[in-house]
């Protein structure tokens, strides 16, 4: 099959393909275009609607990879901020491990009180797998 000769096939869990099928939008190379659209809109189908609307309004009703790449998604900036936040969380976790190690070394104990996920404190072995 050549470029743009078929619709994105609707299947369970593929809302973009389903929407293209409902709106009679042909998809140029659906195996690449639809996953790229999903990636660019951060897996939020509603964020893809402006691109699908542009394709629907075109005389050819064809969604192309170029259309997906040219569109500016509002979440692009949010994605960059989330990546920066994730990096900060990793740094804080590393710092937490350093502080805990220093506290253990100072006390000479293999057991220490660590904050639990529910906000309370609990006694945990300092070295997982070893108990005293």
Foldseek 3Di string as FASTA:
>chain_A
DAFQPAQQDDDPPQVVSVVCVVLVATEGPNVPQSVLLCVQQVNDVVQSVVLQVVLSPDPNSYRYSVSSVPDDGPCPVVVVVVVVVVVVVVVVVVVVLVVLVVVCVVVVAQWDWDQDPVRHIDIDGNDPPDDD
